[in-house]
Amino acid sequence: MDKTIKVYTLSTCGHCRTTKKFLDDCRVQYEFEDVDLLKGEERAAILEDIKQLNPRCSFPTIIIGDRVIVGFKEDEIREAIGL
């Protein structure tokens, strides 16, 4: 799979943890950012980026290639990563 996967999460979010575990179990490489652990300008900048992709700014926000999936939607994630 050659699509870049980026996951915006909260460290305290059960759905976010489930998403990361699912991606780990699928053995795909991904980057993630626990937004609630960021500070100051870095946090504000990331939140602005997320709002462009997901106006409700809810978590997890998952970007797979050019597709945005909001929330842990296993079937959509599986399809987007080609499983």
N, C-alpha and C. Protein backbone atom coordinates (compact mmCIF):
# COMPACT_ATOMS: atom_id res chain seq x y z
N MET A 1 0.85 -1.18 0.00
CA MET A 1 0.00 0.00 0.00
C MET A 1 0.89 1.23 0.00
N ASP A 2 0.65 2.16 -0.90
CA ASP A 2 1.53 3.31 -1.03
C ASP A 2 0.87 4.61 -0.59
N LYS A 3 -0.29 4.53 0.03
CA LYS A 3 -0.96 5.74 0.49
C LYS A 3 -0.41 6.13 1.86
N THR A 4 -0.24 7.43 2.06
CA THR A 4 0.16 7.93 3.36
C THR A 4 -1.04 7.90 4.29
N ILE A 5 -0.81 7.46 5.52
CA ILE A 5 -1.88 7.42 6.52
C ILE A 5 -1.48 8.31 7.68
N LYS A 6 -2.36 9.26 8.00
CA LYS A 6 -2.14 10.17 9.12
C LYS A 6 -3.39 10.11 9.99
N VAL A 7 -3.20 9.96 11.29
CA VAL A 7 -4.33 9.85 12.21
C VAL A 7 -4.18 10.92 13.28
N TYR A 8 -5.20 11.74 13.42
CA TYR A 8 -5.25 12.75 14.49
C TYR A 8 -6.12 12.17 15.60
N THR A 9 -5.54 12.09 16.80
CA THR A 9 -6.21 11.42 17.91
C THR A 9 -6.14 12.25 19.18
N LEU A 10 -6.86 11.78 20.18
CA LEU A 10 -6.73 12.28 21.55
C LEU A 10 -6.21 11.12 22.38
N SER A 11 -5.28 11.39 23.28
CA SER A 11 -4.68 10.31 24.07
C SER A 11 -5.68 9.61 24.97
N THR A 12 -6.78 10.28 25.30
CA THR A 12 -7.77 9.74 26.23
C THR A 12 -8.98 9.11 25.53
N CYS A 13 -8.98 9.08 24.21
CA CYS A 13 -10.15 8.66 23.42
C CYS A 13 -10.12 7.17 23.12
N GLY A 14 -11.16 6.46 23.56
CA GLY A 14 -11.25 5.02 23.30
C GLY A 14 -11.32 4.69 21.82
N HIS A 15 -12.08 5.46 21.04
CA HIS A 15 -12.19 5.21 19.59
C HIS A 15 -10.83 5.43 18.91
N CYS A 16 -10.08 6.41 19.41
CA CYS A 16 -8.75 6.68 18.85
C CYS A 16 -7.81 5.50 19.12
N ARG A 17 -7.85 4.98 20.34
CA ARG A 17 -7.01 3.83 20.69
C ARG A 17 -7.39 2.62 19.84
N THR A 18 -8.70 2.42 19.64
CA THR A 18 -9.18 1.31 18.81
C THR A 18 -8.67 1.45 17.38
N THR A 19 -8.70 2.67 16.86
CA THR A 19 -8.23 2.93 15.49
C THR A 19 -6.75 2.58 15.36
N LYS A 20 -5.94 3.05 16.30
CA LYS A 20 -4.49 2.77 16.24
C LYS A 20 -4.22 1.27 16.37
N LYS A 21 -4.96 0.59 17.26
CA LYS A 21 -4.78 -0.85 17.41
C LYS A 21 -5.17 -1.57 16.12
N PHE A 22 -6.27 -1.15 15.50
CA PHE A 22 -6.70 -1.77 14.25
C PHE A 22 -5.63 -1.61 13.16
N LEU A 23 -5.08 -0.41 13.03
CA LEU A 23 -4.03 -0.18 12.03
C LEU A 23 -2.79 -1.00 12.35
N ASP A 24 -2.44 -1.09 13.64
CA ASP A 24 -1.31 -1.94 14.05
C ASP A 24 -1.57 -3.39 13.67
N ASP A 25 -2.78 -3.87 13.97
CA ASP A 25 -3.14 -5.26 13.68
C ASP A 25 -3.10 -5.54 12.17
N CYS A 26 -3.40 -4.52 11.36
CA CYS A 26 -3.36 -4.65 9.90
C CYS A 26 -1.93 -4.52 9.36
N ARG A 27 -1.00 -4.21 10.25
CA ARG A 27 0.42 -4.06 9.90
C ARG A 27 0.64 -3.01 8.80
N VAL A 28 -0.05 -1.89 8.94
CA VAL A 28 0.19 -0.78 8.02
C VAL A 28 0.93 0.32 8.77
N GLN A 29 1.76 1.03 8.05
CA GLN A 29 2.50 2.13 8.66
C GLN A 29 1.63 3.38 8.63
N TYR A 30 1.66 4.11 9.73
CA TYR A 30 0.88 5.34 9.81
C TYR A 30 1.56 6.28 10.79
N GLU A 31 1.24 7.55 10.65
CA GLU A 31 1.69 8.55 11.60
C GLU A 31 0.47 8.97 12.40
N PHE A 32 0.69 9.31 13.67
CA PHE A 32 -0.42 9.82 14.45
C PHE A 32 0.05 10.98 15.31
N GLU A 33 -0.90 11.79 15.66
CA GLU A 33 -0.64 12.95 16.53
C GLU A 33 -1.71 12.96 17.60
N ASP A 34 -1.28 12.83 18.88
CA ASP A 34 -2.22 13.00 19.99
C ASP A 34 -2.37 14.50 20.23
N VAL A 35 -3.42 15.06 19.67
CA VAL A 35 -3.60 16.51 19.64
C VAL A 35 -3.68 17.11 21.05
N ASP A 36 -4.28 16.38 21.98
CA ASP A 36 -4.42 16.92 23.33
C ASP A 36 -3.09 17.02 24.08
N LEU A 37 -2.05 16.37 23.56
CA LEU A 37 -0.74 16.45 24.21
C LEU A 37 0.13 17.57 23.64
N LEU A 38 -0.36 18.20 22.56
CA LEU A 38 0.38 19.32 21.97
C LEU A 38 0.12 20.59 22.77
N LYS A 39 1.02 21.57 22.61
CA LYS A 39 0.88 22.83 23.34
C LYS A 39 0.89 24.02 22.39
N GLY A 40 0.28 25.09 22.83
CA GLY A 40 0.41 26.40 22.20
C GLY A 40 0.16 26.44 20.71
N GLU A 41 1.10 27.07 19.99
CA GLU A 41 0.92 27.31 18.55
C GLU A 41 0.86 26.02 17.76
N GLU A 42 1.65 25.03 18.16
CA GLU A 42 1.63 23.76 17.44
C GLU A 42 0.23 23.13 17.50
N ARG A 43 -0.37 23.16 18.69
CA ARG A 43 -1.72 22.61 18.87
C ARG A 43 -2.74 23.42 18.05
N ALA A 44 -2.65 24.73 18.10
CA ALA A 44 -3.58 25.59 17.34
C ALA A 44 -3.46 25.33 15.84
N ALA A 45 -2.23 25.17 15.35
CA ALA A 45 -2.02 24.93 13.91
C ALA A 45 -2.60 23.58 13.49
N ILE A 46 -2.38 22.56 14.29
CA ILE A 46 -2.92 21.23 13.96
C ILE A 46 -4.44 21.26 13.99
N LEU A 47 -5.03 21.94 14.97
CA LEU A 47 -6.50 22.03 15.04
C LEU A 47 -7.06 22.74 13.82
N GLU A 48 -6.36 23.76 13.33
CA GLU A 48 -6.80 24.44 12.09
C GLU A 48 -6.76 23.47 10.91
N ASP A 49 -5.68 22.67 10.82
CA ASP A 49 -5.58 21.67 9.75
C ASP A 49 -6.73 20.68 9.82
N ILE A 50 -7.02 20.22 11.03
CA ILE A 50 -8.10 19.24 11.20
C ILE A 50 -9.44 19.85 10.79
N LYS A 51 -9.68 21.11 11.17
CA LYS A 51 -10.95 21.76 10.82
C LYS A 51 -11.15 21.86 9.31
N GLN A 52 -10.06 21.96 8.55
CA GLN A 52 -10.16 21.98 7.08
C GLN A 52 -10.66 20.64 6.56
N LEU A 53 -10.27 19.55 7.23
CA LEU A 53 -10.63 18.20 6.81
C LEU A 53 -11.96 17.75 7.43
N ASN A 54 -12.19 18.19 8.65
CA ASN A 54 -13.33 17.73 9.44
C ASN A 54 -13.83 18.93 10.25
N PRO A 55 -14.78 19.68 9.70
CA PRO A 55 -15.23 20.92 10.35
C PRO A 55 -15.70 20.74 11.80
N ARG A 56 -16.19 19.56 12.15
CA ARG A 56 -16.62 19.33 13.54
C ARG A 56 -15.43 19.11 14.47
N CYS A 57 -14.26 18.87 13.87
CA CYS A 57 -13.02 18.71 14.64
C CYS A 57 -13.19 17.60 15.69
N SER A 58 -13.73 16.47 15.26
CA SER A 58 -13.92 15.33 16.15
C SER A 58 -12.83 14.30 15.89
N PHE A 59 -12.74 13.35 16.80
CA PHE A 59 -11.62 12.41 16.75
C PHE A 59 -12.12 10.97 16.84
N PRO A 60 -11.38 10.04 16.21
CA PRO A 60 -10.20 10.28 15.41
C PRO A 60 -10.56 10.84 14.03
N THR A 61 -9.66 11.64 13.48
CA THR A 61 -9.75 12.07 12.09
C THR A 61 -8.62 11.35 11.37
N ILE A 62 -8.98 10.55 10.37
CA ILE A 62 -8.04 9.66 9.70
C ILE A 62 -7.92 10.09 8.24
N ILE A 63 -6.69 10.30 7.78
CA ILE A 63 -6.46 10.64 6.38
C ILE A 63 -5.70 9.49 5.75
N ILE A 64 -6.30 8.89 4.73
CA ILE A 64 -5.66 7.80 4.00
C ILE A 64 -5.61 8.23 2.55
N GLY A 65 -4.41 8.56 2.08
CA GLY A 65 -4.29 9.14 0.75
C GLY A 65 -5.02 10.46 0.73
N ASP A 66 -6.02 10.60 -0.15
CA ASP A 66 -6.80 11.84 -0.19
C ASP A 66 -8.19 11.65 0.43
N ARG A 67 -8.38 10.56 1.12
CA ARG A 67 -9.68 10.25 1.73
C ARG A 67 -9.65 10.59 3.23
N VAL A 68 -10.72 11.19 3.71
CA VAL A 68 -10.83 11.54 5.13
C VAL A 68 -11.95 10.69 5.74
N ILE A 69 -11.61 10.00 6.83
CA ILE A 69 -12.59 9.20 7.56
C ILE A 69 -12.63 9.75 8.98
N VAL A 70 -13.83 10.05 9.45
CA VAL A 70 -13.99 10.59 10.80
C VAL A 70 -14.60 9.52 11.68
N GLY A 71 -13.92 9.18 12.76
CA GLY A 71 -14.38 8.14 13.66
C GLY A 71 -13.83 6.79 13.26
N PHE A 72 -13.97 5.83 14.16
CA PHE A 72 -13.50 4.47 13.87
C PHE A 72 -14.58 3.76 13.06
N LYS A 73 -14.36 3.73 11.74
CA LYS A 73 -15.28 3.05 10.82
C LYS A 73 -14.47 1.96 10.13
N GLU A 74 -14.46 0.78 10.76
CA GLU A 74 -13.56 -0.29 10.32
C GLU A 74 -13.71 -0.61 8.84
N ASP A 75 -14.95 -0.72 8.36
CA ASP A 75 -15.15 -1.07 6.95
C ASP A 75 -14.57 -0.02 6.01
N GLU A 76 -14.77 1.26 6.33
CA GLU A 76 -14.23 2.33 5.48
C GLU A 76 -12.71 2.35 5.53
N ILE A 77 -12.14 2.15 6.72
CA ILE A 77 -10.69 2.13 6.85
C ILE A 77 -10.11 0.96 6.06
N ARG A 78 -10.72 -0.21 6.22
CA ARG A 78 -10.27 -1.42 5.52
C ARG A 78 -10.27 -1.19 4.00
N GLU A 79 -11.37 -0.61 3.50
CA GLU A 79 -11.48 -0.34 2.06
C GLU A 79 -10.41 0.66 1.62
N ALA A 80 -10.21 1.72 2.40
CA ALA A 80 -9.26 2.76 2.02
C ALA A 80 -7.82 2.26 2.01
N ILE A 81 -7.49 1.30 2.90
CA ILE A 81 -6.11 0.79 2.90
C ILE A 81 -5.96 -0.44 2.01
N GLY A 82 -7.06 -0.86 1.41
CA GLY A 82 -6.99 -1.94 0.42
C GLY A 82 -6.98 -3.33 1.01
N LEU A 83 -7.69 -3.53 2.11
CA LEU A 83 -7.78 -4.88 2.70
C LEU A 83 -9.09 -5.55 2.33
